[in-house]
Amino acid sequence: MTVLLVDDSPVMRRFVARTLEMTGLGPQIHEAENGRDGMSKAVALVPDLVITDLNMPEMDGAELIAEMQASKLLCGIPVLVLTADRSPVRSEALMGAGAAACLTKPITPQSLRKELLSLLAEVDR
């Protein structure tokens, strides 16, 4: 499984990458520091999953989702949004825009593993 992790915080990228490694799913992890970098890397990698933060410079997570949805190459890739925003309205809007799921920070290896397994099961259908 190839995962593209998009977050402007190096500390958060490290934390999420370590959390991903702790899931036991053995993902190959690639990182991007903002949505624009993430879009470029997504086109080059065509990952199995994208995990993105929302608030980033240059291109935020919502814009990344919109660009991926507009791309024939990337529109089928599930996007998991990690956010500190606990608003159900915001989560619904992101899901309506193409996000596969939203997890509220802080995340745990168990919650991330559960969400990843759920997303992977949907992709395999």
N, C-alpha and C. Protein backbone atom coordinates (compact mmCIF):
# COMPACT_ATOMS: atom_id res chain seq x y z
N MET A 1 0.84 -1.17 0.00
CA MET A 1 0.00 0.00 0.00
C MET A 1 0.89 1.24 0.00
N THR A 2 0.64 2.14 -0.94
CA THR A 2 1.37 3.40 -1.04
C THR A 2 0.48 4.51 -0.51
N VAL A 3 1.01 5.26 0.46
CA VAL A 3 0.26 6.34 1.10
C VAL A 3 1.01 7.65 0.88
N LEU A 4 0.27 8.67 0.46
CA LEU A 4 0.83 10.02 0.35
C LEU A 4 0.29 10.82 1.53
N LEU A 5 1.19 11.32 2.34
CA LEU A 5 0.87 12.08 3.54
C LEU A 5 1.15 13.55 3.26
N VAL A 6 0.10 14.38 3.33
CA VAL A 6 0.22 15.80 2.98
C VAL A 6 -0.08 16.65 4.21
N ASP A 7 0.94 17.34 4.71
CA ASP A 7 0.78 18.21 5.88
C ASP A 7 1.93 19.20 5.89
N ASP A 8 1.65 20.45 6.24
CA ASP A 8 2.70 21.46 6.24
C ASP A 8 3.59 21.39 7.48
N SER A 9 3.18 20.64 8.49
CA SER A 9 3.97 20.53 9.71
C SER A 9 4.85 19.28 9.66
N PRO A 10 6.19 19.47 9.66
CA PRO A 10 7.08 18.31 9.67
C PRO A 10 6.85 17.42 10.89
N VAL A 11 6.54 18.03 12.02
CA VAL A 11 6.29 17.27 13.25
C VAL A 11 5.05 16.39 13.07
N MET A 12 4.00 16.95 12.50
CA MET A 12 2.77 16.19 12.29
C MET A 12 2.98 15.09 11.25
N ARG A 13 3.73 15.39 10.19
CA ARG A 13 4.03 14.35 9.19
C ARG A 13 4.76 13.18 9.83
N ARG A 14 5.75 13.49 10.67
CA ARG A 14 6.51 12.43 11.37
C ARG A 14 5.58 11.63 12.27
N PHE A 15 4.72 12.34 13.01
CA PHE A 15 3.79 11.67 13.92
C PHE A 15 2.84 10.75 13.16
N VAL A 16 2.25 11.25 12.08
CA VAL A 16 1.30 10.44 11.31
C VAL A 16 2.03 9.27 10.64
N ALA A 17 3.23 9.51 10.12
CA ALA A 17 4.00 8.43 9.50
C ALA A 17 4.30 7.33 10.52
N ARG A 18 4.71 7.72 11.73
CA ARG A 18 4.97 6.72 12.78
C ARG A 18 3.69 6.01 13.17
N THR A 19 2.60 6.75 13.24
CA THR A 19 1.31 6.14 13.56
C THR A 19 0.91 5.16 12.47
N LEU A 20 1.12 5.54 11.21
CA LEU A 20 0.84 4.63 10.09
C LEU A 20 1.67 3.35 10.21
N GLU A 21 2.93 3.50 10.54
CA GLU A 21 3.81 2.34 10.68
C GLU A 21 3.32 1.42 11.81
N MET A 22 2.75 2.01 12.86
CA MET A 22 2.27 1.24 14.01
C MET A 22 0.97 0.50 13.71
N THR A 23 0.33 0.77 12.58
CA THR A 23 -0.92 0.09 12.25
C THR A 23 -0.67 -1.38 11.88
N GLY A 24 0.57 -1.70 11.50
CA GLY A 24 0.88 -3.06 11.10
C GLY A 24 0.53 -3.36 9.66
N LEU A 25 0.09 -2.35 8.91
CA LEU A 25 -0.30 -2.56 7.51
C LEU A 25 0.87 -2.43 6.54
N GLY A 26 2.03 -2.00 7.04
CA GLY A 26 3.24 -1.92 6.21
C GLY A 26 3.16 -0.98 5.03
N PRO A 27 2.64 0.23 5.22
CA PRO A 27 2.53 1.13 4.07
C PRO A 27 3.87 1.71 3.63
N GLN A 28 3.97 1.99 2.34
CA GLN A 28 5.09 2.76 1.81
C GLN A 28 4.62 4.21 1.88
N ILE A 29 5.33 5.04 2.64
CA ILE A 29 4.87 6.40 2.92
C ILE A 29 5.70 7.42 2.17
N HIS A 30 4.99 8.31 1.47
CA HIS A 30 5.61 9.45 0.80
C HIS A 30 5.02 10.70 1.42
N GLU A 31 5.79 11.78 1.48
CA GLU A 31 5.34 12.99 2.15
C GLU A 31 5.35 14.19 1.21
N ALA A 32 4.41 15.11 1.49
CA ALA A 32 4.34 16.39 0.78
C ALA A 32 4.04 17.46 1.81
N GLU A 33 4.59 18.68 1.59
CA GLU A 33 4.47 19.72 2.60
C GLU A 33 3.30 20.67 2.43
N ASN A 34 2.57 20.56 1.34
CA ASN A 34 1.35 21.35 1.15
C ASN A 34 0.54 20.72 0.01
N GLY A 35 -0.63 21.26 -0.23
CA GLY A 35 -1.49 20.68 -1.25
C GLY A 35 -0.91 20.72 -2.65
N ARG A 36 -0.21 21.78 -2.99
CA ARG A 36 0.38 21.87 -4.33
C ARG A 36 1.45 20.79 -4.51
N ASP A 37 2.31 20.65 -3.51
CA ASP A 37 3.33 19.60 -3.53
C ASP A 37 2.65 18.23 -3.53
N GLY A 38 1.58 18.11 -2.76
CA GLY A 38 0.84 16.86 -2.70
C GLY A 38 0.23 16.48 -4.03
N MET A 39 -0.32 17.45 -4.73
CA MET A 39 -0.93 17.18 -6.04
C MET A 39 0.14 16.70 -7.03
N SER A 40 1.26 17.37 -7.02
CA SER A 40 2.36 17.00 -7.92
C SER A 40 2.83 15.57 -7.62
N LYS A 41 3.00 15.26 -6.34
CA LYS A 41 3.46 13.91 -5.97
C LYS A 41 2.38 12.87 -6.23
N ALA A 42 1.12 13.23 -6.05
CA ALA A 42 0.03 12.28 -6.33
C ALA A 42 0.01 11.89 -7.80
N VAL A 43 0.23 12.86 -8.68
CA VAL A 43 0.26 12.57 -10.12
C VAL A 43 1.43 11.65 -10.44
N ALA A 44 2.57 11.88 -9.82
CA ALA A 44 3.75 11.06 -10.08
C ALA A 44 3.63 9.65 -9.49
N LEU A 45 3.03 9.55 -8.30
CA LEU A 45 2.97 8.27 -7.58
C LEU A 45 1.70 7.45 -7.86
N VAL A 46 0.59 8.14 -8.04
CA VAL A 46 -0.74 7.53 -8.07
C VAL A 46 -0.86 6.58 -6.86
N PRO A 47 -0.90 7.16 -5.66
CA PRO A 47 -0.93 6.35 -4.44
C PRO A 47 -2.25 5.62 -4.24
N ASP A 48 -2.25 4.67 -3.33
CA ASP A 48 -3.47 3.95 -2.98
C ASP A 48 -4.36 4.79 -2.06
N LEU A 49 -3.74 5.71 -1.33
CA LEU A 49 -4.46 6.52 -0.35
C LEU A 49 -3.72 7.83 -0.16
N VAL A 50 -4.48 8.91 0.04
CA VAL A 50 -3.91 10.20 0.40
C VAL A 50 -4.46 10.57 1.77
N ILE A 51 -3.58 10.97 2.67
CA ILE A 51 -3.97 11.49 3.97
C ILE A 51 -3.54 12.93 4.00
N THR A 52 -4.50 13.84 4.25
CA THR A 52 -4.18 15.26 4.19
C THR A 52 -4.70 16.04 5.39
N ASP A 53 -3.96 17.05 5.72
CA ASP A 53 -4.39 18.06 6.68
C ASP A 53 -5.27 19.04 5.91
N LEU A 54 -5.99 19.89 6.60
CA LEU A 54 -6.81 20.89 5.92
C LEU A 54 -6.09 22.21 5.74
N ASN A 55 -5.58 22.77 6.82
CA ASN A 55 -5.01 24.11 6.78
C ASN A 55 -3.53 24.07 6.43
N MET A 56 -3.25 24.47 5.17
CA MET A 56 -1.87 24.49 4.68
C MET A 56 -1.70 25.68 3.74
N PRO A 57 -0.47 26.17 3.61
CA PRO A 57 -0.22 27.26 2.66
C PRO A 57 -0.23 26.76 1.21
N GLU A 58 -0.32 27.66 0.29
CA GLU A 58 -0.29 27.43 -1.16
C GLU A 58 -1.53 26.73 -1.69
N MET A 59 -1.88 25.58 -1.12
CA MET A 59 -3.11 24.88 -1.48
C MET A 59 -3.52 24.08 -0.24
N ASP A 60 -4.74 24.33 0.24
CA ASP A 60 -5.17 23.61 1.44
C ASP A 60 -5.74 22.24 1.08
N GLY A 61 -6.12 21.49 2.10
CA GLY A 61 -6.61 20.14 1.88
C GLY A 61 -7.88 20.08 1.07
N ALA A 62 -8.79 21.03 1.29
CA ALA A 62 -10.04 21.04 0.52
C ALA A 62 -9.77 21.30 -0.96
N GLU A 63 -8.82 22.19 -1.25
CA GLU A 63 -8.45 22.46 -2.65
C GLU A 63 -7.77 21.24 -3.27
N LEU A 64 -6.96 20.54 -2.48
CA LEU A 64 -6.31 19.32 -2.97
C LEU A 64 -7.37 18.28 -3.35
N ILE A 65 -8.35 18.11 -2.48
CA ILE A 65 -9.43 17.15 -2.76
C ILE A 65 -10.14 17.54 -4.06
N ALA A 66 -10.46 18.82 -4.21
CA ALA A 66 -11.16 19.28 -5.42
C ALA A 66 -10.33 19.02 -6.67
N GLU A 67 -9.03 19.29 -6.62
CA GLU A 67 -8.18 19.05 -7.80
C GLU A 67 -8.06 17.56 -8.11
N MET A 68 -7.97 16.75 -7.06
CA MET A 68 -7.90 15.30 -7.28
C MET A 68 -9.20 14.80 -7.90
N GLN A 69 -10.33 15.30 -7.44
CA GLN A 69 -11.61 14.88 -7.98
C GLN A 69 -11.77 15.28 -9.45
N ALA A 70 -11.13 16.38 -9.83
CA ALA A 70 -11.20 16.86 -11.22
C ALA A 70 -10.24 16.12 -12.14
N SER A 71 -9.34 15.32 -11.58
CA SER A 71 -8.34 14.61 -12.36
C SER A 71 -8.80 13.18 -12.66
N LYS A 72 -8.81 12.80 -13.93
CA LYS A 72 -9.18 11.43 -14.30
C LYS A 72 -8.23 10.42 -13.69
N LEU A 73 -6.97 10.80 -13.54
CA LEU A 73 -5.95 9.91 -12.98
C LEU A 73 -6.14 9.68 -11.48
N LEU A 74 -6.61 10.71 -10.75
CA LEU A 74 -6.60 10.66 -9.30
C LEU A 74 -7.98 10.58 -8.65
N CYS A 75 -9.03 10.72 -9.43
CA CYS A 75 -10.37 10.85 -8.83
C CYS A 75 -10.84 9.62 -8.06
N GLY A 76 -10.28 8.48 -8.29
CA GLY A 76 -10.71 7.28 -7.58
C GLY A 76 -9.91 6.98 -6.32
N ILE A 77 -8.92 7.79 -6.02
CA ILE A 77 -8.07 7.56 -4.86
C ILE A 77 -8.76 8.09 -3.60
N PRO A 78 -8.92 7.24 -2.58
CA PRO A 78 -9.55 7.72 -1.36
C PRO A 78 -8.66 8.74 -0.64
N VAL A 79 -9.31 9.76 -0.08
CA VAL A 79 -8.61 10.80 0.67
C VAL A 79 -9.15 10.80 2.10
N LEU A 80 -8.24 10.63 3.04
CA LEU A 80 -8.56 10.70 4.45
C LEU A 80 -8.10 12.05 4.96
N VAL A 81 -9.02 12.82 5.54
CA VAL A 81 -8.69 14.14 6.07
C VAL A 81 -8.48 14.03 7.57
N LEU A 82 -7.36 14.55 8.03
CA LEU A 82 -7.09 14.66 9.46
C LEU A 82 -7.26 16.12 9.83
N THR A 83 -8.14 16.40 10.77
CA THR A 83 -8.44 17.78 11.10
C THR A 83 -8.68 17.97 12.59
N ALA A 84 -8.39 19.16 13.07
CA ALA A 84 -8.72 19.52 14.44
C ALA A 84 -10.14 20.09 14.51
N ASP A 85 -10.73 20.35 13.37
CA ASP A 85 -12.09 20.92 13.29
C ASP A 85 -13.11 19.83 13.63
N ARG A 86 -13.83 20.02 14.70
CA ARG A 86 -14.80 19.02 15.16
C ARG A 86 -16.20 19.27 14.61
N SER A 87 -16.33 20.21 13.71
CA SER A 87 -17.64 20.57 13.17
C SER A 87 -18.18 19.48 12.25
N PRO A 88 -19.36 18.92 12.57
CA PRO A 88 -19.94 17.91 11.68
C PRO A 88 -20.31 18.50 10.32
N VAL A 89 -20.62 19.79 10.30
CA VAL A 89 -20.96 20.45 9.03
C VAL A 89 -19.73 20.47 8.12
N ARG A 90 -18.57 20.77 8.69
CA ARG A 90 -17.32 20.80 7.91
C ARG A 90 -17.00 19.40 7.38
N SER A 91 -17.14 18.39 8.24
CA SER A 91 -16.88 17.01 7.81
C SER A 91 -17.83 16.60 6.68
N GLU A 92 -19.09 16.94 6.81
CA GLU A 92 -20.07 16.62 5.76
C GLU A 92 -19.72 17.31 4.45
N ALA A 93 -19.29 18.57 4.55
CA ALA A 93 -18.91 19.31 3.34
C ALA A 93 -17.70 18.65 2.66
N LEU A 94 -16.73 18.23 3.45
CA LEU A 94 -15.54 17.57 2.89
C LEU A 94 -15.91 16.24 2.25
N MET A 95 -16.78 15.49 2.90
CA MET A 95 -17.22 14.21 2.34
C MET A 95 -18.00 14.46 1.04
N GLY A 96 -18.80 15.48 1.02
CA GLY A 96 -19.54 15.82 -0.20
C GLY A 96 -18.63 16.26 -1.33
N ALA A 97 -17.47 16.83 -0.98
CA ALA A 97 -16.51 17.30 -1.99
C ALA A 97 -15.60 16.18 -2.49
N GLY A 98 -15.67 15.00 -1.85
CA GLY A 98 -14.86 13.90 -2.34
C GLY A 98 -13.97 13.21 -1.33
N ALA A 99 -13.91 13.72 -0.10
CA ALA A 99 -13.11 13.03 0.92
C ALA A 99 -13.78 11.69 1.23
N ALA A 100 -12.98 10.67 1.44
CA ALA A 100 -13.52 9.35 1.78
C ALA A 100 -13.87 9.27 3.26
N ALA A 101 -13.13 10.01 4.10
CA ALA A 101 -13.36 9.99 5.53
C ALA A 101 -12.65 11.16 6.19
N CYS A 102 -13.09 11.49 7.39
CA CYS A 102 -12.46 12.54 8.19
C CYS A 102 -12.20 11.97 9.58
N LEU A 103 -10.99 12.17 10.08
CA LEU A 103 -10.65 11.81 11.45
C LEU A 103 -10.27 13.08 12.19
N THR A 104 -10.77 13.22 13.40
CA THR A 104 -10.46 14.38 14.21
C THR A 104 -9.20 14.12 15.03
N LYS A 105 -8.29 15.08 15.01
CA LYS A 105 -7.06 14.98 15.80
C LYS A 105 -7.42 15.17 17.27
N PRO A 106 -6.72 14.55 18.19
CA PRO A 106 -5.56 13.68 17.97
C PRO A 106 -6.00 12.29 17.51
N ILE A 107 -5.13 11.66 16.76
CA ILE A 107 -5.41 10.31 16.26
C ILE A 107 -4.57 9.31 17.03
N THR A 108 -5.02 8.08 17.04
CA THR A 108 -4.26 6.99 17.66
C THR A 108 -3.97 5.95 16.59
N PRO A 109 -2.99 5.09 16.81
CA PRO A 109 -2.75 4.02 15.84
C PRO A 109 -4.00 3.17 15.63
N GLN A 110 -4.77 2.93 16.70
CA GLN A 110 -5.96 2.10 16.60
C GLN A 110 -7.04 2.77 15.74
N SER A 111 -7.28 4.07 15.96
CA SER A 111 -8.31 4.76 15.17
C SER A 111 -7.89 4.88 13.71
N LEU A 112 -6.61 5.12 13.48
CA LEU A 112 -6.12 5.23 12.11
C LEU A 112 -6.18 3.87 11.41
N ARG A 113 -5.79 2.81 12.10
CA ARG A 113 -5.83 1.47 11.52
C ARG A 113 -7.27 1.10 11.16
N LYS A 114 -8.19 1.37 12.05
CA LYS A 114 -9.61 1.05 11.80
C LYS A 114 -10.11 1.79 10.57
N GLU A 115 -9.77 3.07 10.46
CA GLU A 115 -10.22 3.86 9.31
C GLU A 115 -9.56 3.38 8.03
N LEU A 116 -8.28 3.07 8.07
CA LEU A 116 -7.57 2.58 6.88
C LEU A 116 -8.17 1.25 6.40
N LEU A 117 -8.43 0.34 7.33
CA LEU A 117 -9.01 -0.95 6.94
C LEU A 117 -10.39 -0.75 6.31
N SER A 118 -11.15 0.16 6.86
CA SER A 118 -12.47 0.47 6.30
C SER A 118 -12.35 1.03 4.89
N LEU A 119 -11.43 1.97 4.69
CA LEU A 119 -11.24 2.57 3.37
C LEU A 119 -10.72 1.54 2.37
N LEU A 120 -9.80 0.70 2.78
CA LEU A 120 -9.25 -0.31 1.89
C LEU A 120 -10.32 -1.33 1.49
N ALA A 121 -11.20 -1.67 2.41
CA ALA A 121 -12.29 -2.60 2.10
C ALA A 121 -13.22 -2.00 1.06
N GLU A 122 -13.47 -0.70 1.14
CA GLU A 122 -14.33 -0.04 0.15
C GLU A 122 -13.66 0.01 -1.21
N VAL A 123 -12.35 0.21 -1.25
CA VAL A 123 -11.62 0.26 -2.52
C VAL A 123 -11.64 -1.11 -3.19
N ASP A 124 -11.55 -2.18 -2.40
CA ASP A 124 -11.50 -3.54 -2.94
C ASP A 124 -12.85 -4.01 -3.50
N ARG A 125 -13.92 -3.32 -3.16
CA ARG A 125 -15.25 -3.74 -3.65
C ARG A 125 -15.43 -3.50 -5.12
